Protein backbone atom coordinates (compact mmCIF):
# COMPACT_ATOMS: atom_id res chain seq x y z
CA MET A 1 66.22 103.25 127.87
CA ASP A 2 69.42 102.61 125.88
CA SER A 3 69.36 101.59 122.20
CA ALA A 4 69.87 97.86 122.87
CA ALA A 5 67.05 97.74 125.39
CA LEU A 6 64.81 99.72 123.05
CA ALA A 7 65.55 97.32 120.18
CA ALA A 8 64.73 94.35 122.41
CA ALA A 9 61.46 95.95 123.50
CA ASP A 10 60.50 96.67 119.88
CA ALA A 11 61.26 93.06 118.91
CA VAL A 12 59.11 91.69 121.74
CA ALA A 13 56.25 93.99 120.76
CA ALA A 14 56.50 92.94 117.11
CA LEU A 15 56.25 89.27 118.14
CA ALA A 16 53.38 89.72 120.58
CA ASP A 17 50.67 88.28 118.32
CA ALA A 18 52.77 85.82 116.30
CA ALA A 19 51.06 82.44 115.95
CA PRO A 20 53.30 79.52 117.01
CA THR A 21 52.70 77.62 113.80
CA PRO A 22 54.30 77.47 110.34
CA PHE A 23 52.85 80.14 108.08
CA TRP A 24 52.63 77.82 105.07
CA LEU A 25 50.69 75.14 106.94
CA ASP A 26 48.24 77.67 108.42
CA SER A 27 45.98 77.37 105.41
CA PRO A 28 42.45 76.18 104.59
CA LEU A 29 43.96 74.38 101.58
CA ARG A 30 45.50 71.76 103.87
CA PRO A 31 44.06 68.42 102.71
CA GLU A 32 42.23 65.99 104.95
CA PRO A 33 44.52 63.10 105.90
CA ALA A 34 44.07 59.65 104.46
CA ASP A 35 42.93 56.87 106.76
CA PRO A 36 45.59 55.09 108.82
CA LEU A 37 46.75 51.62 107.92
CA THR A 38 44.98 48.83 109.77
CA GLY A 39 45.51 45.15 109.15
CA ALA A 40 47.92 43.73 106.58
CA ALA A 41 48.76 45.45 103.29
CA HIS A 42 50.84 44.44 100.29
CA ALA A 43 52.51 46.56 97.62
CA ASP A 44 55.26 46.43 95.03
CA LEU A 45 56.87 49.52 96.59
CA VAL A 46 56.30 50.98 100.05
CA VAL A 47 57.51 54.53 100.64
CA VAL A 48 58.05 55.55 104.28
CA GLY A 49 57.67 59.30 104.75
CA GLY A 50 55.35 61.85 103.18
CA GLY A 51 57.72 64.77 102.74
CA TYR A 52 59.22 65.82 99.43
CA THR A 53 61.51 62.81 99.10
CA GLY A 54 58.73 60.32 99.72
CA LEU A 55 56.22 62.14 97.52
CA TRP A 56 58.65 62.43 94.62
CA THR A 57 59.62 58.76 95.00
CA ALA A 58 56.00 57.66 94.78
CA LEU A 59 55.20 59.95 91.85
CA LEU A 60 58.31 59.04 89.85
CA ALA A 61 57.75 55.33 90.49
CA LYS A 62 54.24 55.54 89.05
CA ALA A 63 55.42 57.65 86.12
CA ALA A 64 58.02 55.00 85.24
CA ASP A 65 55.58 52.10 85.64
CA PRO A 66 51.89 52.99 86.06
CA SER A 67 51.10 49.36 86.90
CA ARG A 68 53.39 49.39 89.95
CA ASP A 69 51.44 49.25 93.20
CA VAL A 70 52.82 52.01 95.44
CA LEU A 71 51.84 52.56 99.08
CA LEU A 72 53.04 55.61 101.02
CA LEU A 73 53.07 55.48 104.83
CA GLU A 74 53.31 58.75 106.80
CA ALA A 75 53.43 59.05 110.60
CA GLN A 76 51.43 62.29 110.60
CA THR A 77 50.26 64.04 107.40
CA ALA A 78 52.03 64.63 104.11
CA GLY A 79 54.22 67.73 104.17
CA TRP A 80 53.74 68.49 107.88
CA ALA A 81 57.45 68.53 108.84
CA ALA A 82 60.44 70.10 107.04
CA SER A 83 58.69 69.99 103.67
CA GLY A 84 55.91 72.26 104.90
CA ARG A 85 57.83 74.66 107.12
CA ASN A 86 60.98 75.63 105.20
CA GLY A 87 61.80 78.89 103.43
CA GLY A 88 60.69 77.69 100.00
CA PHE A 89 64.08 78.10 98.27
CA CYS A 90 64.13 75.51 95.47
CA ALA A 91 67.77 75.38 94.38
CA ALA A 92 69.40 73.48 91.55
CA SER A 93 72.53 72.74 93.58
CA LEU A 94 72.93 69.12 94.67
CA THR A 95 76.07 69.83 96.72
CA HIS A 96 74.96 72.72 98.95
CA GLY A 97 76.67 75.22 96.72
CA LEU A 98 79.62 75.28 94.36
CA SER A 99 82.29 75.79 97.02
CA ASN A 100 81.20 72.75 99.01
CA GLY A 101 81.04 70.65 95.87
CA LEU A 102 84.47 71.80 94.67
CA ALA A 103 86.00 70.99 98.05
CA ARG A 104 84.72 67.40 97.93
CA PHE A 105 84.20 66.27 94.32
CA PRO A 106 85.96 68.76 92.02
CA ASP A 107 86.26 66.33 89.10
CA GLU A 108 82.54 65.61 89.12
CA LEU A 109 81.12 69.01 89.89
CA ALA A 110 80.37 69.96 86.28
CA ALA A 111 78.26 66.81 85.91
CA LEU A 112 76.57 67.40 89.28
CA GLU A 113 75.74 70.98 88.31
CA ARG A 114 74.26 69.84 85.00
CA LEU A 115 72.19 67.15 86.72
CA GLY A 116 71.03 69.69 89.27
CA ALA A 117 69.90 72.14 86.59
CA GLN A 118 68.04 69.34 84.80
CA ASN A 119 66.41 68.38 88.09
CA LEU A 120 65.13 71.93 88.69
CA ASP A 121 63.75 72.06 85.13
CA ALA A 122 61.99 68.74 85.75
CA ILE A 123 60.42 70.09 88.95
CA GLU A 124 59.05 73.08 87.06
CA LYS A 125 57.76 70.81 84.29
CA THR A 126 55.96 68.57 86.80
CA ILE A 127 54.41 71.58 88.52
CA ASP A 128 53.09 72.80 85.16
CA GLU A 129 51.87 69.38 84.01
CA HIS A 130 49.94 68.72 87.20
CA GLY A 131 48.70 72.27 87.69
CA ILE A 132 50.29 72.56 91.13
CA ASP A 133 49.52 76.06 92.42
CA CYS A 134 52.60 76.57 94.60
CA HIS A 135 53.59 80.07 93.42
CA PHE A 136 56.70 78.80 91.63
CA GLU A 137 58.87 81.81 90.69
CA ARG A 138 62.27 81.65 88.95
CA THR A 139 63.55 84.70 90.82
CA GLY A 140 67.15 83.69 91.36
CA GLU A 141 68.95 84.47 94.60
CA LEU A 142 70.62 87.60 95.96
CA ASP A 143 73.65 87.05 98.22
CA VAL A 144 74.56 90.14 100.21
CA ALA A 145 77.72 91.26 102.01
CA THR A 146 77.24 93.17 105.25
CA GLU A 147 80.95 93.42 106.14
CA PRO A 148 83.84 94.72 103.98
CA HIS A 149 85.77 91.43 104.14
CA GLN A 150 82.83 89.63 102.52
CA VAL A 151 83.01 91.67 99.30
CA ASP A 152 85.90 89.65 97.88
CA TRP A 153 84.03 86.47 98.78
CA LEU A 154 81.18 87.60 96.54
CA ARG A 155 83.53 88.55 93.69
CA ASP A 156 85.15 85.11 93.87
CA ASP A 157 81.74 83.44 94.10
CA VAL A 158 80.49 85.18 90.95
CA GLU A 159 83.65 84.31 89.04
CA GLN A 160 83.37 80.68 90.13
CA ALA A 161 79.68 80.53 89.20
CA ARG A 162 80.36 81.89 85.73
CA ARG A 163 83.02 79.20 85.17
CA PHE A 164 80.26 76.64 85.61
CA GLY A 165 77.87 78.39 83.26
CA HIS A 166 75.74 80.23 85.82
CA ASP A 167 74.08 83.57 85.09
CA ALA A 168 75.70 85.52 87.94
CA ARG A 169 76.50 89.19 88.40
CA PHE A 170 78.46 91.09 91.06
CA LEU A 171 76.68 94.17 92.46
CA ASP A 172 78.39 97.05 94.17
CA ARG A 173 76.83 98.87 97.12
CA ASP A 174 74.54 101.08 95.07
CA GLU A 175 73.56 98.29 92.70
CA VAL A 176 72.60 95.85 95.42
CA ARG A 177 70.63 98.49 97.28
CA ALA A 178 68.78 99.25 94.05
CA GLN A 179 67.62 95.62 94.12
CA LEU A 180 66.87 95.40 97.85
CA ASP A 181 67.55 98.36 100.08
CA SER A 182 69.22 97.88 103.43
CA PRO A 183 71.74 100.25 104.99
CA THR A 184 73.71 97.18 106.11
CA TYR A 185 74.59 96.09 102.54
CA VAL A 186 78.03 96.81 101.10
CA ALA A 187 77.85 94.54 98.02
CA GLY A 188 75.84 91.74 96.48
CA ALA A 189 75.84 88.89 94.02
CA TRP A 190 72.76 88.12 91.97
CA HIS A 191 72.57 84.50 90.85
CA ARG A 192 69.84 84.90 88.28
CA ASP A 193 69.27 81.25 87.45
CA ARG A 194 69.23 77.96 89.37
CA VAL A 195 67.03 79.12 92.26
CA ALA A 196 63.25 79.32 92.31
CA LEU A 197 60.88 80.20 95.13
CA VAL A 198 57.82 78.16 96.05
CA ASP A 199 55.13 77.93 98.67
CA PRO A 200 56.55 74.75 100.22
CA ALA A 201 53.33 73.40 101.74
CA ARG A 202 51.39 73.93 98.53
CA LEU A 203 54.14 72.09 96.66
CA ALA A 204 53.89 69.13 99.05
CA TRP A 205 50.10 69.09 98.87
CA GLY A 206 50.22 69.38 95.09
CA LEU A 207 52.60 66.44 94.84
CA ARG A 208 50.32 64.48 97.15
CA ALA A 209 47.36 65.19 94.88
CA ALA A 210 49.39 64.20 91.81
CA CYS A 211 50.34 60.94 93.53
CA LEU A 212 46.70 60.19 94.31
CA ASP A 213 45.73 60.92 90.71
CA ALA A 214 48.43 58.49 89.57
CA GLY A 215 47.04 55.74 91.83
CA VAL A 216 49.43 55.90 94.79
CA ARG A 217 47.78 54.62 97.97
CA PHE A 218 48.25 56.69 101.14
CA ALA A 219 48.07 55.72 104.80
CA GLU A 220 48.61 58.78 106.98
CA ARG A 221 48.78 58.93 110.77
CA THR A 222 50.59 55.60 110.39
CA ARG A 223 53.91 55.35 112.20
CA VAL A 224 56.24 52.59 111.00
CA THR A 225 57.82 50.92 114.03
CA GLY A 226 60.03 48.25 112.48
CA LEU A 227 61.43 46.77 109.29
CA ALA A 228 62.75 43.28 108.50
CA ARG A 229 63.49 40.97 105.60
CA ALA A 230 60.66 38.68 104.61
CA GLY A 231 61.62 36.15 101.97
CA ALA A 232 62.37 38.03 98.77
CA GLY A 233 60.87 41.22 100.15
CA VAL A 234 60.47 43.35 103.27
CA VAL A 235 57.83 43.59 105.98
CA LEU A 236 57.15 46.84 107.86
CA ARG A 237 55.38 46.93 111.21
CA THR A 238 53.06 49.82 112.08
CA GLN A 239 51.04 50.68 115.21
CA HIS A 240 47.95 48.89 113.95
CA GLY A 241 49.06 46.69 111.09
CA SER A 242 51.82 45.74 108.69
CA ALA A 243 52.86 46.20 105.08
CA ARG A 244 54.77 43.74 102.93
CA ALA A 245 56.61 44.91 99.84
CA ALA A 246 59.14 43.81 97.26
CA ARG A 247 60.98 47.11 97.69
CA VAL A 248 61.02 49.91 100.29
CA ALA A 249 62.15 53.55 100.01
CA LEU A 250 62.94 55.28 103.30
CA ALA A 251 62.36 59.05 103.27
CA THR A 252 62.37 59.92 106.96
CA ASN A 253 64.56 63.06 106.84
CA ALA A 254 65.56 64.22 110.34
CA PHE A 255 63.62 61.56 112.21
CA PRO A 256 65.33 58.41 113.54
CA GLY A 257 65.71 55.93 110.73
CA LEU A 258 64.39 52.38 110.76
CA LEU A 259 67.92 51.15 110.04
CA ARG A 260 70.01 51.64 113.18
CA ARG A 261 73.31 51.50 111.34
CA VAL A 262 72.28 54.52 109.26
CA ARG A 263 71.43 56.79 112.20
CA PRO A 264 74.99 58.03 112.90
CA TYR A 265 75.21 59.55 109.43
CA THR A 266 72.83 62.45 110.11
CA VAL A 267 71.84 64.66 113.03
CA PRO A 268 68.76 66.88 113.44
CA VAL A 269 69.37 70.61 113.70
CA TYR A 270 66.60 73.08 114.53
CA ASP A 271 66.09 76.11 112.31
CA TYR A 272 63.77 79.03 113.14
CA VAL A 273 61.65 81.35 111.00
CA LEU A 274 59.47 84.47 111.29
CA VAL A 275 56.89 85.81 108.85
CA THR A 276 55.60 89.38 108.87
CA GLU A 277 52.20 90.80 108.13
CA PRO A 278 51.79 91.82 104.46
CA LEU A 279 53.79 94.90 103.51
CA SER A 280 51.88 97.94 102.35
CA PRO A 281 52.74 99.44 98.95
CA ALA A 282 54.65 102.21 100.75
CA GLN A 283 56.66 99.69 102.77
CA LEU A 284 57.50 97.76 99.61
CA ARG A 285 58.66 100.95 97.92
CA ALA A 286 60.86 101.66 100.95
CA ILE A 287 62.87 98.47 100.43
CA GLY A 288 62.52 97.93 96.68
CA TRP A 289 62.69 94.20 95.92
CA ALA A 290 60.98 94.60 92.56
CA ASN A 291 62.62 91.41 91.26
CA ARG A 292 61.52 89.40 94.31
CA GLN A 293 64.73 87.40 94.63
CA GLY A 294 65.33 85.04 97.48
CA ALA A 295 68.03 86.65 99.60
CA GLY A 296 70.64 85.76 102.17
CA ASP A 297 73.76 87.17 103.75
CA VAL A 298 77.09 85.38 103.49
CA ALA A 299 78.21 85.23 107.12
CA ASN A 300 78.78 81.82 108.66
CA GLN A 301 75.70 82.42 110.83
CA PHE A 302 73.48 83.61 108.01
CA HIS A 303 69.93 84.73 107.42
CA TYR A 304 67.72 83.77 104.50
CA TYR A 305 64.69 85.78 103.49
CA ARG A 306 62.13 86.27 100.76
CA LEU A 307 58.74 87.69 99.86
CA THR A 308 55.64 85.52 99.92
CA ALA A 309 52.93 85.70 97.28
CA ASP A 310 51.01 88.22 99.39
CA ASP A 311 54.12 90.34 100.08
CA ARG A 312 55.00 89.23 103.57
CA VAL A 313 58.67 88.88 104.45
CA LEU A 314 59.85 85.46 105.58
CA TRP A 315 62.99 85.85 107.70
CA GLY A 316 64.90 82.87 109.10
CA GLY A 317 68.21 81.27 109.91
CA TYR A 318 71.15 82.43 112.04
CA ASP A 319 70.66 80.11 115.00
CA ALA A 320 71.06 76.40 114.26
CA ILE A 321 70.35 74.43 117.41
CA TYR A 322 71.44 70.87 118.10
CA HIS A 323 69.98 69.14 121.17
CA TRP A 324 71.80 66.48 123.18
CA ALA A 325 71.54 62.91 121.80
CA SER A 326 69.91 64.15 118.58
CA GLY A 327 66.86 65.25 120.55
CA LEU A 328 63.58 65.77 118.71
CA ARG A 329 60.60 67.11 120.63
CA PRO A 330 57.57 69.20 119.61
CA ASP A 331 58.40 71.85 122.23
CA PHE A 332 61.74 72.46 120.47
CA ASP A 333 59.74 74.05 117.62
CA GLN A 334 59.33 77.17 119.78
CA ARG A 335 62.38 79.11 121.01
CA PRO A 336 61.45 82.62 122.18
CA ALA A 337 65.07 83.75 122.63
CA THR A 338 65.81 82.94 118.98
CA PHE A 339 62.62 84.61 117.80
CA GLU A 340 63.53 87.80 119.67
CA LEU A 341 67.07 87.71 118.26
CA LEU A 342 65.74 87.23 114.71
CA ALA A 343 63.28 90.10 115.15
CA ARG A 344 66.03 92.44 116.37
CA GLN A 345 68.22 91.47 113.42
CA PHE A 346 65.33 91.97 111.00
CA PHE A 347 64.76 95.57 112.10
CA HIS A 348 68.51 96.23 112.11
CA THR A 349 68.58 95.10 108.46
CA PHE A 350 65.41 96.97 107.47
CA PRO A 351 64.96 99.93 109.83
CA GLN A 352 62.55 101.46 107.33
CA LEU A 353 60.08 98.70 108.32
CA ALA A 354 59.95 99.71 111.99
CA GLY A 355 56.54 98.99 113.47
CA LEU A 356 55.88 95.95 111.25
CA ARG A 357 54.41 92.99 113.13
CA PHE A 358 55.18 89.29 112.85
CA THR A 359 52.21 86.97 112.36
CA HIS A 360 53.94 83.58 112.58
CA ALA A 361 56.99 82.22 114.41
CA TRP A 362 58.08 78.59 114.24
CA GLY A 363 60.94 76.16 114.08
CA GLY A 364 61.63 72.65 112.92
CA ALA A 365 64.33 70.07 112.43
CA ILE A 366 66.38 69.53 109.30
CA ASP A 367 68.78 66.64 108.80
CA THR A 368 72.43 67.40 108.19
CA SER A 369 75.37 65.19 107.30
CA THR A 370 79.11 65.71 107.63
CA ARG A 371 79.41 66.52 103.92
CA PHE A 372 76.38 68.86 104.02
CA PHE A 373 74.47 67.39 101.09
CA ALA A 374 72.32 64.33 100.65
CA PHE A 375 73.43 60.76 100.08
CA GLN A 376 71.55 57.69 98.84
CA ARG A 377 72.30 54.03 99.46
CA ALA A 378 70.67 50.60 99.09
CA THR A 379 70.76 47.88 101.72
CA LEU A 380 69.20 44.51 102.62
CA GLY A 381 70.26 43.03 99.30
CA GLY A 382 68.94 45.95 97.29
CA ARG A 383 65.45 45.68 98.77
CA VAL A 384 65.65 48.95 100.74
CA ALA A 385 67.00 52.37 99.74
CA TYR A 386 67.28 55.63 101.64
CA SER A 387 68.08 59.29 100.95
CA LEU A 388 69.22 61.51 103.83
CA GLY A 389 71.28 64.54 104.81
CA TYR A 390 69.89 67.40 102.69
CA THR A 391 71.10 70.09 105.14
CA GLY A 392 68.39 72.57 104.26
CA LEU A 393 68.44 72.25 100.46
CA GLY A 394 65.93 69.45 100.14
CA VAL A 395 63.22 71.43 98.35
CA GLY A 396 64.99 70.88 95.06
CA ALA A 397 67.38 68.03 95.80
CA ALA A 398 64.64 65.73 97.14
CA ARG A 399 63.45 64.93 93.64
CA PHE A 400 66.98 63.97 92.61
CA GLY A 401 67.37 61.84 95.75
CA ALA A 402 64.09 60.10 95.00
CA GLN A 403 65.20 59.22 91.47
CA VAL A 404 68.52 57.85 92.73
CA MET A 405 66.67 55.65 95.24
CA LEU A 406 64.48 54.26 92.47
CA ASP A 407 67.55 53.62 90.29
CA LEU A 408 69.09 51.68 93.18
CA LEU A 409 65.95 49.69 93.92
CA ASP A 410 65.31 48.85 90.27
CA GLY A 411 68.96 47.96 89.55
CA ARG A 412 69.00 50.58 86.80
CA ASP A 413 72.24 52.08 85.54
CA SER A 414 72.23 55.88 85.47
CA GLU A 415 74.71 58.70 85.06
CA ALA A 416 74.17 59.69 88.69
CA LEU A 417 75.09 56.25 90.01
CA ARG A 418 78.34 56.30 88.08
CA LEU A 419 79.50 59.34 90.06
CA ARG A 420 81.64 58.88 93.16
CA ALA A 421 79.72 61.71 94.82
CA ILE A 422 76.57 59.59 94.60
CA ARG A 423 78.12 56.17 95.26
CA SER A 424 79.87 57.37 98.43
CA ARG A 425 78.47 58.40 101.78
CA PRO A 426 79.70 60.89 104.37
CA TRP A 427 81.66 60.27 107.52
CA PRO A 428 79.38 59.34 110.43
CA PHE A 429 79.00 61.61 113.43
CA PRO A 430 80.69 60.31 116.59
CA PRO A 431 78.63 59.04 119.53
CA GLU A 432 77.76 61.25 122.46
CA PRO A 433 79.29 63.12 124.19
CA ALA A 434 81.79 63.69 121.36
CA ARG A 435 78.95 64.51 118.96
CA TRP A 436 77.53 67.29 121.13
CA ILE A 437 80.98 68.69 121.96
CA GLY A 438 82.06 68.72 118.31
CA ILE A 439 78.89 70.45 117.11
CA GLN A 440 79.08 73.09 119.85
CA LEU A 441 82.75 73.76 119.10
CA THR A 442 81.89 74.18 115.44
CA ARG A 443 79.00 76.58 116.15
CA ARG A 444 81.21 78.69 118.42
CA GLY A 445 84.04 78.62 115.90
CA LEU A 446 81.77 79.85 113.11
CA ALA A 447 80.40 82.66 115.29
CA ARG A 448 83.95 83.65 116.28
CA ALA A 449 85.04 83.69 112.63
CA ASP A 450 82.19 86.09 111.84
CA ARG A 451 83.48 88.42 114.56
CA ARG A 452 87.06 88.15 113.25
CA GLN A 453 86.51 89.21 109.61
CA GLY A 454 86.06 85.61 108.51
CA ARG A 455 89.34 84.30 109.95
CA ARG A 456 88.86 80.68 110.95
CA GLY A 457 90.35 79.47 114.21
CA PRO A 458 92.25 76.23 114.93
CA TRP A 459 89.14 74.05 115.30
CA LEU A 460 87.62 75.13 111.97
CA ARG A 461 90.97 74.84 110.19
CA THR A 462 91.30 71.29 111.50
CA LEU A 463 87.86 70.41 110.16
CA ASP A 464 88.81 71.94 106.81
CA ARG A 465 91.95 69.81 106.63
CA VAL A 466 90.09 66.55 107.23
CA GLY A 467 87.29 67.41 104.80
CA LEU A 468 84.60 68.24 107.37
CA GLY A 469 84.67 72.03 107.10
CA PHE A 470 81.65 74.12 106.23
CA ASP A 471 80.68 77.73 105.80
CA SER A 472 77.59 79.40 104.43
């Protein structure tokens, strides 16, 4: 058997007993769902969606005005989708990184970075105040280069980060391997602030509990099927009832929005993740990782990885799959070919962990926009607001998006709303088949650039010129 076939066989064996469910949600701590909505309900504010954005919106609304009657409607259970199945990287960035922000809103980036840092501090404060046991760790993040051409990228990245006041340090080959040991590493950059790690499901469940303590009403297993003006307010139709409200906040993430005209502004992309069995003390010593940073490589098709509280390795990314016509189906959560590829890449990165088994393998949809970070808008005469397009960084940015929605709904002036980055929205995606073709061309172009020492081909250069370019 040649080396490639042997690696494939080892990957399949390591995945043999992996449960097809998100590791974080596979927990006895998962709360019992609230009763569904039946009949007619009324509220001052109805929040649609029980992920991070919806939970933060409800909690912040009650904090600002405890007398406000807030009702949260969730189609399944709070935290079951992207908020409960992500990698748990809680980043301060509101613009999906400094480079993306500089390319789009250079004059406002200093303010956006400051607001992002304040937002992360506020998340930590809320976690402490409410006693949310979500394993919040201010570990920072370790970016690693696995190819020589990426080393200068990291040097530039550290220099740029320092200009904006970040605590960042370039690491040569020996220094990065002293932090986390892989024979594939040639350099690293340790961003020591502005990223924390959390157990994402516990964070969602903790926010849900805080909302209940504050008096937020929940109706779970309640799918909203329609929305319309109703006098000075809004009425929402559900499977078995309705809800009337003065104001509505839409926090539906990757799922089709209730406002048809908003749907072209985001598309769902499937991301996939593996989690290992707990590492033994000897296995931990073999790779180091004493500082427990979140980690990721800097290729266009990148991996992200981290340790859990019980010393498992979460390993995800690389493939980002878009399905025709923005398809969303439960069976898309499982993709054996991607799981096998991720397992092979894991053991290539950490050969010293050969023989380790994976206990969980899952996928899920995130929402992405053409500018790669979230946007918020109000519509229907200011009665309805929405926040969409987090592109994988919603763990931290969702709280900021929730506050912007409340500012819009309440007609409140804020520093955020005076920024063009917040007042604007991204270019919409084209209709099919142009949407599918464009996304596939972009994926292939990014993969080709990785094979060509980062050199971007004609398609990616065109996207860069029109302001639609993206890299990791």
